[in-house]
Protein backbone atom coordinates (compact mmCIF):
# COMPACT_ATOMS: atom_id res chain seq x y z
CA MET A 1 32.05 -3.39 101.53
CA GLU A 2 31.05 -1.51 104.64
CA ARG A 3 33.84 -3.35 106.48
CA VAL A 4 36.37 -2.15 103.91
CA TRP A 5 35.16 1.44 104.07
CA HIS A 6 35.37 1.37 107.86
CA LEU A 7 38.94 0.06 107.77
CA GLU A 8 39.92 2.63 105.15
CA LYS A 9 38.63 5.42 107.31
CA ARG A 10 39.91 4.16 110.64
CA ILE A 11 43.25 2.58 109.75
CA GLY A 12 44.05 4.02 106.35
CA ILE A 13 44.35 0.78 104.40
CA ARG A 14 43.69 0.48 100.70
CA ILE A 15 40.92 2.07 98.75
CA SER A 16 37.77 -0.02 98.34
CA CYS A 17 37.84 0.71 94.61
CA ASP A 18 41.00 -1.40 94.43
CA ALA A 19 39.27 -4.39 96.00
CA ILE A 20 36.28 -3.99 93.71
CA SER A 21 38.56 -3.78 90.69
CA GLU A 22 40.33 -6.96 91.80
CA HIS A 23 36.99 -8.76 92.09
CA HIS A 24 36.06 -7.60 88.60
CA SER A 25 39.34 -8.97 87.27
CA VAL A 26 38.58 -12.37 88.77
CA VAL A 27 35.02 -12.43 87.43
CA ASP A 28 36.10 -11.27 83.97
CA ALA A 29 38.68 -14.03 83.77
CA ILE A 30 36.08 -16.61 84.83
CA VAL A 31 33.56 -15.35 82.28
CA ASN A 32 36.22 -15.42 79.56
CA ARG A 33 37.23 -18.94 80.61
CA GLU A 34 40.84 -17.97 81.17
CA PRO A 35 42.01 -20.22 84.04
CA ILE A 36 45.53 -18.79 84.17
CA ALA A 37 44.16 -15.27 84.38
CA VAL A 38 41.78 -16.38 87.15
CA GLU A 39 44.66 -17.87 89.10
CA GLU A 40 46.78 -14.75 88.67
CA ALA A 41 43.95 -12.40 89.62
CA MET A 42 43.08 -14.43 92.71
CA ALA A 43 46.73 -14.71 93.76
CA TYR A 44 47.13 -10.94 93.47
CA HIS A 45 43.92 -10.25 95.40
CA ILE A 46 44.79 -12.68 98.19
CA ALA A 47 48.31 -11.25 98.50
CA GLU A 48 46.84 -7.77 98.90
CA VAL A 49 44.41 -9.00 101.54
CA VAL A 50 47.23 -10.67 103.47
CA VAL A 51 49.17 -7.39 103.51
CA GLU A 52 46.10 -5.58 104.79
CA ILE A 53 45.52 -8.16 107.50
CA GLU A 54 49.05 -7.52 108.75
CA ILE A 55 48.41 -3.76 108.78
CA VAL A 56 45.20 -4.27 110.75
CA LYS A 57 46.93 -6.59 113.22
CA GLU A 58 49.74 -4.10 113.77
CA HIS A 59 47.24 -1.28 114.28
CA LEU A 60 45.12 -3.25 116.74
CA CYS A 61 48.09 -4.59 118.72
CA ASN A 62 49.73 -1.18 119.21
C-alpha cells in the first residue's frame, strides 16, 4: 500500500481506499462462493490498474 500512497501523492492517481475496496469485493465474492461476482470484481480491479499504469507511464515519460 505504501506504493499506492506514494503514487497518489506524487502523480495524483486514484485513492488507495478504492483499491482496498476493490480487494474486499474480490475476497467477499470468494468467501461467498460467487464465481461470477469474483470474475466481475477482478475484471473491474484489473481495468482500473491498467488505466493507472497508463497514467504513470505518461507522467514518467513527459
